[in-house]
Amino acid sequence: MRLGPRRGASPPFRNLPPGSVAPAKPALEPRSTTEHSGARVGSVALVGAGPGDPGLITVRGLELLRGADVVVYDRLVDRRLLAEAPRARRIFAGKASGVRTLTQERINALLVRHARRGRRVVRLKGGDPFVFGRGGEEALALARARIPFEVVPGVTSAVAAPAYAGIPLTHRGVASSFAVVTGHAGAAERGRGVDWARLATAVDTLVVLMGLERLPEIARELVARGRAAATPVALVRWGSTDWQETVVGTLADIAERARRARLEPPVVAVVGDVVALRERLGWFAEQTLPIGAVRS
């Protein structure tokens, strides 16, 4: 089964001849075999599902997904990808801002338990597992339990959402550096918050994930730490999907613009002069909403 084409999306294997499959390692064999209580242990693949468009999953990730016995998936995973594993048991382990179905500890235990029962488990995560996806925590839990695992990188929204909005993170003569940071309040509460004083002027382009709720605070902090109030900012919601919309402003007014547009997560914020290139590089046909409209 192949994912059907949709506006703005590239079907899987677009660059391969019809009917061909990219050469790869055997999809369903773990990197190593481990015995647990005399029984063969399964394996876990931490697979990045990409930024939203299901056509952006990797060949390797799709191959593993199709052979999975169990799929543990997140909130931002397109349901069409789940249809690629019709025989697998599906377990929702998504998180939204302020709402959780399973704690991270329970998710870790879930992966270990199913692998110990000899199952091929795919942990399907939006974006990339190792970019604010807590994939490192899950990999550590698997390593401690001696469960064979592999990591399949995904296209992170930190790069894809700006690209779909016509914003290159680097551009000759405009930006030669960028950084990706979390805007989530929990990072600061755990003592691992972003050092805005060092970061504000250290890079040309700043990408903030999970920062919509703290956007007014982040914008004020960047200006207070030396970033010009006139610096362009773009907010890209549901990047790479049919629901994509972009709000553009400056550090001085972006919080008010987001409020008037009634944006809700997921949103990727891009701060820097590269945002101005959007006017010439915009290529993806976004659905246009009037200010104040709300997505159904």
C-alpha atoms as a PDB file:
ATOM      1  CA  MET A   1       0.000   0.000   0.000  1.00  0.00           C
ATOM      2  CA  ARG A   2       1.250   3.441  -0.835  1.00  0.00           C
ATOM      3  CA  LEU A   3       0.176   6.711   0.637  1.00  0.00           C
ATOM      4  CA  GLY A   4      -2.020   8.619  -1.761  1.00  0.00           C
ATOM      5  CA  PRO A   5      -0.773  11.928  -3.133  1.00  0.00           C
ATOM      6  CA  ARG A   6      -2.188  15.151  -1.742  1.00  0.00           C
ATOM      7  CA  ARG A   7      -1.787  18.815  -2.470  1.00  0.00           C
ATOM      8  CA  GLY A   8       1.696  19.986  -1.644  1.00  0.00           C
ATOM      9  CA  ALA A   9       2.934  16.523  -0.718  1.00  0.00           C
ATOM     10  CA  SER A  10       5.390  14.245  -2.441  1.00  0.00           C
ATOM     11  CA  PRO A  11       4.409  10.558  -2.514  1.00  0.00           C
ATOM     12  CA  PRO A  12       6.885   8.137  -0.934  1.00  0.00           C
ATOM     13  CA  PHE A  13       9.722   6.960  -3.190  1.00  0.00           C
ATOM     14  CA  ARG A  14       9.121   9.854  -5.581  1.00  0.00           C
ATOM     15  CA  ASN A  15      12.675   9.544  -6.943  1.00  0.00           C
ATOM     16  CA  LEU A  16      12.603   5.779  -7.483  1.00  0.00           C
ATOM     17  CA  PRO A  17      11.408   3.952 -10.603  1.00  0.00           C
ATOM     18  CA  PRO A  18       7.837   2.582 -10.302  1.00  0.00           C
ATOM     19  CA  GLY A  19       7.717  -0.669  -8.364  1.00  0.00           C
ATOM     20  CA  SER A  20      11.295  -0.458  -7.103  1.00  0.00           C
ATOM     21  CA  VAL A  21      12.431  -0.402  -3.508  1.00  0.00           C
ATOM     22  CA  ALA A  22      15.533   1.328  -2.253  1.00  0.00           C
ATOM     23  CA  PRO A  23      18.270  -1.094  -1.181  1.00  0.00           C
ATOM     24  CA  ALA A  24      18.546  -1.291   2.577  1.00  0.00           C
ATOM     25  CA  LYS A  25      19.538  -3.531   5.418  1.00  0.00           C
ATOM     26  CA  PRO A  26      17.036  -6.309   6.209  1.00  0.00           C
ATOM     27  CA  ALA A  27      14.161  -4.353   7.697  1.00  0.00           C
ATOM     28  CA  LEU A  28      12.911  -6.749  10.321  1.00  0.00           C
ATOM     29  CA  GLU A  29      16.118  -7.988  11.927  1.00  0.00           C
ATOM     30  CA  PRO A  30      17.465  -6.202  15.001  1.00  0.00           C
ATOM     31  CA  ARG A  31      21.042  -5.026  14.996  1.00  0.00           C
ATOM     32  CA  SER A  32      21.845  -7.780  17.478  1.00  0.00           C
ATOM     33  CA  THR A  33      20.018 -10.580  19.245  1.00  0.00           C
ATOM     34  CA  THR A  34      19.589 -10.795  22.990  1.00  0.00           C
ATOM     35  CA  GLU A  35      18.169 -13.526  25.163  1.00  0.00           C
ATOM     36  CA  HIS A  36      15.888 -12.772  28.105  1.00  0.00           C
ATOM     37  CA  SER A  37      14.883 -15.626  30.420  1.00  0.00           C
ATOM     38  CA  GLY A  38      15.695 -18.105  27.662  1.00  0.00           C
ATOM     39  CA  ALA A  39      13.429 -16.468  25.071  1.00  0.00           C
ATOM     40  CA  ARG A  40      14.416 -14.463  22.056  1.00  0.00           C
ATOM     41  CA  VAL A  41      13.995 -10.744  22.622  1.00  0.00           C
ATOM     42  CA  GLY A  42      12.428  -8.557  19.972  1.00  0.00           C
ATOM     43  CA  SER A  43      13.674  -5.127  18.985  1.00  0.00           C
ATOM     44  CA  VAL A  44      12.654  -1.489  19.090  1.00  0.00           C
ATOM     45  CA  ALA A  45      13.065   1.099  16.350  1.00  0.00           C
ATOM     46  CA  LEU A  46      12.810   4.758  17.321  1.00  0.00           C
ATOM     47  CA  VAL A  47      11.470   6.149  14.051  1.00  0.00           C
ATOM     48  CA  GLY A  48      11.075   9.789  13.119  1.00  0.00           C
ATOM     49  CA  ALA A  49       7.768  10.258  11.289  1.00  0.00           C
ATOM     50  CA  GLY A  50       8.733  13.653   9.931  1.00  0.00           C
ATOM     51  CA  PRO A  51       7.085  17.057  10.352  1.00  0.00           C
ATOM     52  CA  GLY A  52       3.514  16.230   9.346  1.00  0.00           C
ATOM     53  CA  ASP A  53       3.321  15.351   5.660  1.00  0.00           C
ATOM     54  CA  PRO A  54       3.356  11.517   5.678  1.00  0.00           C
ATOM     55  CA  GLY A  55       5.288  11.534   2.412  1.00  0.00           C
ATOM     56  CA  LEU A  56       8.334  12.846   4.274  1.00  0.00           C
ATOM     57  CA  ILE A  57       8.987   9.706   6.326  1.00  0.00           C
ATOM     58  CA  THR A  58      12.233   7.968   5.336  1.00  0.00           C
ATOM     59  CA  VAL A  59      12.377   4.767   3.290  1.00  0.00           C
ATOM     60  CA  ARG A  60      13.914   2.954   6.252  1.00  0.00           C
ATOM     61  CA  GLY A  61      11.267   4.230   8.652  1.00  0.00           C
ATOM     62  CA  LEU A  62       8.413   3.151   6.380  1.00  0.00           C
ATOM     63  CA  GLU A  63      10.014  -0.269   5.896  1.00  0.00           C
ATOM     64  CA  LEU A  64      10.207  -0.857   9.640  1.00  0.00           C
ATOM     65  CA  LEU A  65       6.694   0.455  10.175  1.00  0.00           C
ATOM     66  CA  ARG A  66       5.233  -2.001   7.673  1.00  0.00           C
ATOM     67  CA  GLY A  67       6.838  -4.939   9.500  1.00  0.00           C
ATOM     68  CA  ALA A  68       5.991  -3.874  13.035  1.00  0.00           C
ATOM     69  CA  ASP A  69       4.072  -5.969  15.551  1.00  0.00           C
ATOM     70  CA  VAL A  70       3.488  -2.988  17.836  1.00  0.00           C
ATOM     71  CA  VAL A  71       3.416   0.729  17.007  1.00  0.00           C
ATOM     72  CA  VAL A  72       3.637   3.244  19.858  1.00  0.00           C
ATOM     73  CA  TYR A  73       2.827   6.608  18.330  1.00  0.00           C
ATOM     74  CA  ASP A  74       2.623  10.290  19.213  1.00  0.00           C
ATOM     75  CA  ARG A  75      -0.074  12.931  18.779  1.00  0.00           C
ATOM     76  CA  LEU A  76       1.525  14.620  15.757  1.00  0.00           C
ATOM     77  CA  VAL A  77       1.860  11.443  13.681  1.00  0.00           C
ATOM     78  CA  ASP A  78      -0.350  11.470  10.571  1.00  0.00           C
ATOM     79  CA  ARG A  79      -2.899   8.662  10.837  1.00  0.00           C
ATOM     80  CA  ARG A  80      -2.199   7.629   7.243  1.00  0.00           C
ATOM     81  CA  LEU A  81       1.156   6.331   8.450  1.00  0.00           C
ATOM     82  CA  LEU A  82      -0.587   4.058  10.940  1.00  0.00           C
ATOM     83  CA  ALA A  83      -2.470   2.506   8.040  1.00  0.00           C
ATOM     84  CA  GLU A  84       0.913   1.278   6.785  1.00  0.00           C
ATOM     85  CA  ALA A  85       0.974  -1.179   9.713  1.00  0.00           C
ATOM     86  CA  PRO A  86      -2.508  -2.741   9.478  1.00  0.00           C
ATOM     87  CA  ARG A  87      -1.647  -5.863  11.491  1.00  0.00           C
ATOM     88  CA  ALA A  88       0.224  -4.082  14.273  1.00  0.00           C
ATOM     89  CA  ARG A  89      -1.152  -3.307  17.694  1.00  0.00           C
ATOM     90  CA  ARG A  90      -1.378   0.480  17.986  1.00  0.00           C
ATOM     91  CA  ILE A  91      -0.754   2.265  21.263  1.00  0.00           C
ATOM     92  CA  PHE A  92      -1.261   6.002  21.606  1.00  0.00           C
ATOM     93  CA  ALA A  93       1.358   7.701  23.770  1.00  0.00           C
ATOM     94  CA  GLY A  94       0.915  11.305  22.696  1.00  0.00           C
ATOM     95  CA  LYS A  95       1.349  14.441  24.727  1.00  0.00           C
ATOM     96  CA  ALA A  96      -0.210  17.854  24.308  1.00  0.00           C
ATOM     97  CA  SER A  97       0.602  21.043  26.154  1.00  0.00           C
ATOM     98  CA  GLY A  98      -0.337  20.369  29.757  1.00  0.00           C
ATOM     99  CA  VAL A  99      -1.980  17.004  28.944  1.00  0.00           C
ATOM    100  CA  ARG A 100      -0.408  13.551  28.989  1.00  0.00           C
ATOM    101  CA  THR A 101      -1.802  10.095  28.414  1.00  0.00           C
ATOM    102  CA  LEU A 102       1.297   8.204  29.596  1.00  0.00           C
ATOM    103  CA  THR A 103       4.302   9.347  31.586  1.00  0.00           C
ATOM    104  CA  GLN A 104       7.686   8.986  29.947  1.00  0.00           C
ATOM    105  CA  GLU A 105       8.578   6.278  32.463  1.00  0.00           C
ATOM    106  CA  ARG A 106       5.504   4.256  31.450  1.00  0.00           C
ATOM    107  CA  ILE A 107       6.335   4.677  27.772  1.00  0.00           C
ATOM    108  CA  ASN A 108       9.870   3.409  28.425  1.00  0.00           C
ATOM    109  CA  ALA A 109       8.498   0.400  30.304  1.00  0.00           C
ATOM    110  CA  LEU A 110       5.997  -0.275  27.522  1.00  0.00           C
ATOM    111  CA  LEU A 111       8.725  -0.468  24.902  1.00  0.00           C
ATOM    112  CA  VAL A 112      10.808  -2.809  27.042  1.00  0.00           C
ATOM    113  CA  ARG A 113       7.855  -5.066  27.887  1.00  0.00           C
ATOM    114  CA  HIS A 114       6.755  -5.615  24.304  1.00  0.00           C
ATOM    115  CA  ALA A 115      10.317  -6.197  23.099  1.00  0.00           C
ATOM    116  CA  ARG A 116      10.879  -8.779  25.826  1.00  0.00           C
ATOM    117  CA  ARG A 117       7.864 -10.625  24.490  1.00  0.00           C
ATOM    118  CA  GLY A 118       9.663 -11.025  21.190  1.00  0.00           C
ATOM    119  CA  ARG A 119       7.816  -8.311  19.290  1.00  0.00           C
ATOM    120  CA  ARG A 120       9.094  -5.878  16.689  1.00  0.00           C
ATOM    121  CA  VAL A 121       8.244  -2.485  18.125  1.00  0.00           C
ATOM    122  CA  VAL A 122       8.218   0.825  16.281  1.00  0.00           C
ATOM    123  CA  ARG A 123       8.192   3.946  18.428  1.00  0.00           C
ATOM    124  CA  LEU A 124       6.807   6.418  15.908  1.00  0.00           C
ATOM    125  CA  LYS A 125       7.582   9.998  16.847  1.00  0.00           C
ATOM    126  CA  GLY A 126       6.781  13.257  15.102  1.00  0.00           C
ATOM    127  CA  GLY A 127       9.815  14.981  13.616  1.00  0.00           C
ATOM    128  CA  ASP A 128      13.131  13.470  14.679  1.00  0.00           C
ATOM    129  CA  PRO A 129      13.422  11.215  17.759  1.00  0.00           C
ATOM    130  CA  PHE A 130      16.545  12.996  19.002  1.00  0.00           C
ATOM    131  CA  VAL A 131      15.365  16.603  18.514  1.00  0.00           C
ATOM    132  CA  PHE A 132      13.221  17.416  21.559  1.00  0.00           C
ATOM    133  CA  GLY A 133      11.543  14.059  21.117  1.00  0.00           C
ATOM    134  CA  ARG A 134      12.892  12.409  24.282  1.00  0.00           C
ATOM    135  CA  GLY A 135      14.264   9.675  22.070  1.00  0.00           C
ATOM    136  CA  GLY A 136      17.503   9.741  24.013  1.00  0.00           C
ATOM    137  CA  GLU A 137      15.656   8.851  27.216  1.00  0.00           C
ATOM    138  CA  GLU A 138      13.927   5.961  25.518  1.00  0.00           C
ATOM    139  CA  ALA A 139      17.191   4.730  23.999  1.00  0.00           C
ATOM    140  CA  LEU A 140      18.857   4.808  27.421  1.00  0.00           C
ATOM    141  CA  ALA A 141      16.012   2.782  28.925  1.00  0.00           C
ATOM    142  CA  LEU A 142      16.347   0.205  26.144  1.00  0.00           C
ATOM    143  CA  ALA A 143      20.122   0.052  26.554  1.00  0.00           C
ATOM    144  CA  ARG A 144      19.769  -0.504  30.314  1.00  0.00           C
ATOM    145  CA  ALA A 145      17.287  -3.315  29.632  1.00  0.00           C
ATOM    146  CA  ARG A 146      19.606  -4.812  26.976  1.00  0.00           C
ATOM    147  CA  ILE A 147      16.960  -4.479  24.290  1.00  0.00           C
ATOM    148  CA  PRO A 148      18.279  -4.274  20.700  1.00  0.00           C
ATOM    149  CA  PHE A 149      17.283  -0.957  19.192  1.00  0.00           C
ATOM    150  CA  GLU A 150      17.994   1.370  16.332  1.00  0.00           C
ATOM    151  CA  VAL A 151      17.299   5.030  15.661  1.00  0.00           C
ATOM    152  CA  VAL A 152      15.832   6.140  12.340  1.00  0.00           C
ATOM    153  CA  PRO A 153      16.244   9.910  11.967  1.00  0.00           C
ATOM    154  CA  GLY A 154      13.289  11.945  10.784  1.00  0.00           C
ATOM    155  CA  VAL A 155      12.832  15.309   9.102  1.00  0.00           C
ATOM    156  CA  THR A 156      12.512  17.710  12.009  1.00  0.00           C
ATOM    157  CA  SER A 157       9.890  20.447  11.957  1.00  0.00           C
ATOM    158  CA  ALA A 158      12.665  22.852  12.970  1.00  0.00           C
ATOM    159  CA  VAL A 159      13.895  22.677   9.376  1.00  0.00           C
ATOM    160  CA  ALA A 160      10.820  21.509   7.472  1.00  0.00           C
ATOM    161  CA  ALA A 161       8.273  24.042   8.729  1.00  0.00           C
ATOM    162  CA  PRO A 162      10.417  27.044   7.741  1.00  0.00           C
ATOM    163  CA  ALA A 163      11.209  25.395   4.394  1.00  0.00           C
ATOM    164  CA  TYR A 164       7.521  24.874   3.626  1.00  0.00           C
ATOM    165  CA  ALA A 165       6.935  28.516   4.553  1.00  0.00           C
ATOM    166  CA  GLY A 166       9.625  29.634   2.087  1.00  0.00           C
ATOM    167  CA  ILE A 167      12.182  30.462   4.779  1.00  0.00           C
ATOM    168  CA  PRO A 168      15.743  29.081   4.488  1.00  0.00           C
ATOM    169  CA  LEU A 169      17.462  28.944   7.858  1.00  0.00           C
ATOM    170  CA  THR A 170      20.755  29.972   6.260  1.00  0.00           C
ATOM    171  CA  HIS A 171      21.288  32.132   3.200  1.00  0.00           C
ATOM    172  CA  ARG A 172      24.486  33.611   1.819  1.00  0.00           C
ATOM    173  CA  GLY A 173      24.838  37.216   2.849  1.00  0.00           C
ATOM    174  CA  VAL A 174      21.934  36.979   5.299  1.00  0.00           C
ATOM    175  CA  ALA A 175      22.502  34.165   7.782  1.00  0.00           C
ATOM    176  CA  SER A 176      25.415  31.776   8.276  1.00  0.00           C
ATOM    177  CA  SER A 177      24.301  30.191  11.549  1.00  0.00           C
ATOM    178  CA  PHE A 178      21.186  28.961  13.287  1.00  0.00           C
ATOM    179  CA  ALA A 179      20.162  27.382  16.569  1.00  0.00           C
ATOM    180  CA  VAL A 180      17.171  25.295  17.585  1.00  0.00           C
ATOM    181  CA  VAL A 181      15.863  25.710  21.125  1.00  0.00           C
ATOM    182  CA  THR A 182      12.852  24.726  23.178  1.00  0.00           C
ATOM    183  CA  GLY A 183      10.457  27.363  24.407  1.00  0.00           C
ATOM    184  CA  HIS A 184       8.708  24.952  26.739  1.00  0.00           C
ATOM    185  CA  ALA A 185       8.283  26.249  30.268  1.00  0.00           C
ATOM    186  CA  GLY A 186       9.134  22.854  31.698  1.00  0.00           C
ATOM    187  CA  ALA A 187      12.762  23.174  30.615  1.00  0.00           C
ATOM    188  CA  ALA A 188      13.208  26.291  32.752  1.00  0.00           C
ATOM    189  CA  GLU A 189      11.365  24.711  35.673  1.00  0.00           C
ATOM    190  CA  ARG A 190      13.799  21.787  35.646  1.00  0.00           C
ATOM    191  CA  GLY A 191      16.786  24.115  35.694  1.00  0.00           C
ATOM    192  CA  ARG A 192      17.682  23.501  32.035  1.00  0.00           C
ATOM    193  CA  GLY A 193      16.189  26.629  30.548  1.00  0.00           C
ATOM    194  CA  VAL A 194      17.545  28.458  27.520  1.00  0.00           C
ATOM    195  CA  ASP A 195      20.263  31.005  28.234  1.00  0.00           C
ATOM    196  CA  TRP A 196      18.653  33.837  26.268  1.00  0.00           C
ATOM    197  CA  ALA A 197      21.387  36.270  27.314  1.00  0.00           C
ATOM    198  CA  ARG A 198      23.989  34.233  25.430  1.00  0.00           C
ATOM    199  CA  LEU A 199      21.778  33.089  22.586  1.00  0.00           C
ATOM    200  CA  ALA A 200      19.948  36.296  21.641  1.00  0.00           C
ATOM    201  CA  THR A 201      22.758  37.652  19.453  1.00  0.00           C
ATOM    202  CA  ALA A 202      24.963  34.552  19.127  1.00  0.00           C
ATOM    203  CA  VAL A 203      23.320  33.176  15.964  1.00  0.00           C
ATOM    204  CA  ASP A 204      21.719  34.704  12.894  1.00  0.00           C
ATOM    205  CA  THR A 205      18.576  32.562  12.859  1.00  0.00           C
ATOM    206  CA  LEU A 206      16.794  31.243  15.916  1.00  0.00           C
ATOM    207  CA  VAL A 207      14.207  28.454  15.720  1.00  0.00           C
ATOM    208  CA  VAL A 208      11.985  27.996  18.759  1.00  0.00           C
ATOM    209  CA  LEU A 209       9.930  24.830  19.181  1.00  0.00           C
ATOM    210  CA  MET A 210       7.051  24.500  21.653  1.00  0.00           C
ATOM    211  CA  GLY A 211       7.266  28.183  22.506  1.00  0.00           C
ATOM    212  CA  LEU A 212       3.842  29.550  21.570  1.00  0.00           C
ATOM    213  CA  GLU A 213       2.519  29.795  25.121  1.00  0.00           C
ATOM    214  CA  ARG A 214       5.603  31.734  26.218  1.00  0.00           C
ATOM    215  CA  LEU A 215       5.910  33.814  23.053  1.00  0.00           C
ATOM    216  CA  PRO A 216       5.403  37.240  24.717  1.00  0.00           C
ATOM    217  CA  GLU A 217       8.028  36.401  27.336  1.00  0.00           C
ATOM    218  CA  ILE A 218      10.482  35.026  24.764  1.00  0.00           C
ATOM    219  CA  ALA A 219      10.136  38.068  22.504  1.00  0.00           C
ATOM    220  CA  ARG A 220      10.676  40.456  25.428  1.00  0.00           C
ATOM    221  CA  GLU A 221      13.689  38.483  26.596  1.00  0.00           C
ATOM    222  CA  LEU A 222      15.344  38.502  23.176  1.00  0.00           C
ATOM    223  CA  VAL A 223      14.908  42.261  22.843  1.00  0.00           C
ATOM    224  CA  ALA A 224      16.138  42.843  26.381  1.00  0.00           C
ATOM    225  CA  ARG A 225      19.233  40.763  25.606  1.00  0.00           C
ATOM    226  CA  GLY A 226      20.187  42.750  22.513  1.00  0.00           C
ATOM    227  CA  ARG A 227      18.119  41.484  19.589  1.00  0.00           C
ATOM    228  CA  ALA A 228      16.558  44.337  17.627  1.00  0.00           C
ATOM    229  CA  ALA A 229      12.840  44.765  18.174  1.00  0.00           C
ATOM    230  CA  ALA A 230      12.429  45.076  14.388  1.00  0.00           C
ATOM    231  CA  THR A 231      13.834  41.575  13.803  1.00  0.00           C
ATOM    232  CA  PRO A 232      11.440  39.618  11.544  1.00  0.00           C
ATOM    233  CA  VAL A 233       9.606  36.644  13.066  1.00  0.00           C
ATOM    234  CA  ALA A 234       7.495  33.947  11.435  1.00  0.00           C
ATOM    235  CA  LEU A 235       5.159  31.528  13.199  1.00  0.00           C
ATOM    236  CA  VAL A 236       4.435  28.406  11.145  1.00  0.00           C
ATOM    237  CA  ARG A 237       1.558  26.258  12.352  1.00  0.00           C
ATOM    238  CA  TRP A 238       1.119  22.662  11.191  1.00  0.00           C
ATOM    239  CA  GLY A 239       4.047  23.003   8.814  1.00  0.00           C
ATOM    240  CA  SER A 240       4.054  20.765   5.695  1.00  0.00           C
ATOM    241  CA  THR A 241       0.357  19.850   6.025  1.00  0.00           C
ATOM    242  CA  ASP A 242      -2.855  21.022   4.373  1.00  0.00           C
ATOM    243  CA  TRP A 243      -3.558  23.020   7.537  1.00  0.00           C
ATOM    244  CA  GLN A 244      -0.365  25.040   7.376  1.00  0.00           C
ATOM    245  CA  GLU A 245      -0.650  28.750   8.089  1.00  0.00           C
ATOM    246  CA  THR A 246       2.008  31.359   8.742  1.00  0.00           C
ATOM    247  CA  VAL A 247       1.860  34.556  10.760  1.00  0.00           C
ATOM    248  CA  VAL A 248       4.657  37.080  10.174  1.00  0.00           C
ATOM    249  CA  GLY A 249       5.669  40.067  12.287  1.00  0.00           C
ATOM    250  CA  THR A 250       8.583  41.346  14.336  1.00  0.00           C
ATOM    251  CA  LEU A 251       9.772  40.767  17.857  1.00  0.00           C
ATOM    252  CA  ALA A 252       7.916  43.933  18.802  1.00  0.00           C
ATOM    253  CA  ASP A 253       4.481  42.786  17.622  1.00  0.00           C
ATOM    254  CA  ILE A 254       4.541  39.024  16.964  1.00  0.00           C
ATOM    255  CA  ALA A 255       2.877  38.120  20.267  1.00  0.00           C
ATOM    256  CA  GLU A 256      -0.081  40.399  19.498  1.00  0.00           C
ATOM    257  CA  ARG A 257      -0.313  39.097  15.936  1.00  0.00           C
ATOM    258  CA  ALA A 258      -0.374  35.507  17.220  1.00  0.00           C
ATOM    259  CA  ARG A 259      -3.099  36.418  19.702  1.00  0.00           C
ATOM    260  CA  ARG A 260      -5.233  38.058  17.008  1.00  0.00           C
ATOM    261  CA  ALA A 261      -4.771  35.051  14.721  1.00  0.00           C
ATOM    262  CA  ARG A 262      -5.724  32.776  17.624  1.00  0.00           C
ATOM    263  CA  LEU A 263      -2.881  30.410  16.847  1.00  0.00           C
ATOM    264  CA  GLU A 264      -2.703  27.107  18.672  1.00  0.00           C
ATOM    265  CA  PRO A 265       0.113  24.532  18.802  1.00  0.00           C
ATOM    266  CA  PRO A 266       1.957  23.035  17.064  1.00  0.00           C
ATOM    267  CA  VAL A 267       3.840  26.160  15.993  1.00  0.00           C
ATOM    268  CA  VAL A 268       7.459  26.642  14.941  1.00  0.00           C
ATOM    269  CA  ALA A 269       8.841  30.146  15.471  1.00  0.00           C
ATOM    270  CA  VAL A 270      11.624  31.489  13.247  1.00  0.00           C
ATOM    271  CA  VAL A 271      13.483  34.627  14.322  1.00  0.00           C
ATOM    272  CA  GLY A 272      15.875  36.374  11.956  1.00  0.00           C
ATOM    273  CA  ASP A 273      16.355  38.301   8.734  1.00  0.00           C
ATOM    274  CA  VAL A 274      15.839  35.149   6.632  1.00  0.00           C
ATOM    275  CA  VAL A 275      12.114  35.493   7.326  1.00  0.00           C
ATOM    276  CA  ALA A 276      12.002  38.355   4.807  1.00  0.00           C
ATOM    277  CA  LEU A 277      12.917  35.910   2.025  1.00  0.00           C
ATOM    278  CA  ARG A 278       9.500  34.307   2.398  1.00  0.00           C
ATOM    279  CA  GLU A 279       7.965  36.934   0.130  1.00  0.00           C
ATOM    280  CA  ARG A 280      10.083  35.670  -2.773  1.00  0.00           C
ATOM    281  CA  LEU A 281      10.573  32.020  -1.870  1.00  0.00           C
ATOM    282  CA  GLY A 282       7.092  30.997  -0.787  1.00  0.00           C
ATOM    283  CA  TRP A 283       6.201  27.881  -2.799  1.00  0.00           C
ATOM    284  CA  PHE A 284       3.711  25.905  -0.725  1.00  0.00           C
ATOM    285  CA  ALA A 285       0.061  26.870  -1.175  1.00  0.00           C
ATOM    286  CA  GLU A 286      -1.161  27.561   2.342  1.00  0.00           C
ATOM    287  CA  GLN A 287      -4.817  27.699   3.212  1.00  0.00           C
ATOM    288  CA  THR A 288      -5.531  31.349   3.944  1.00  0.00           C
ATOM    289  CA  LEU A 289      -7.604  32.256   6.997  1.00  0.00           C
ATOM    290  CA  PRO A 290      -8.850  35.664   8.017  1.00  0.00           C
ATOM    291  CA  ILE A 291      -7.442  37.090  11.217  1.00  0.00           C
ATOM    292  CA  GLY A 292      -9.317  35.641  14.155  1.00  0.00           C
ATOM    293  CA  ALA A 293     -10.470  32.465  12.395  1.00  0.00           C
ATOM    294  CA  VAL A 294     -10.106  29.203  14.290  1.00  0.00           C
ATOM    295  CA  ARG A 295      -9.228  25.846  12.817  1.00  0.00           C
ATOM    296  CA  SER A 296     -11.938  23.227  13.199  1.00  0.00           C
END
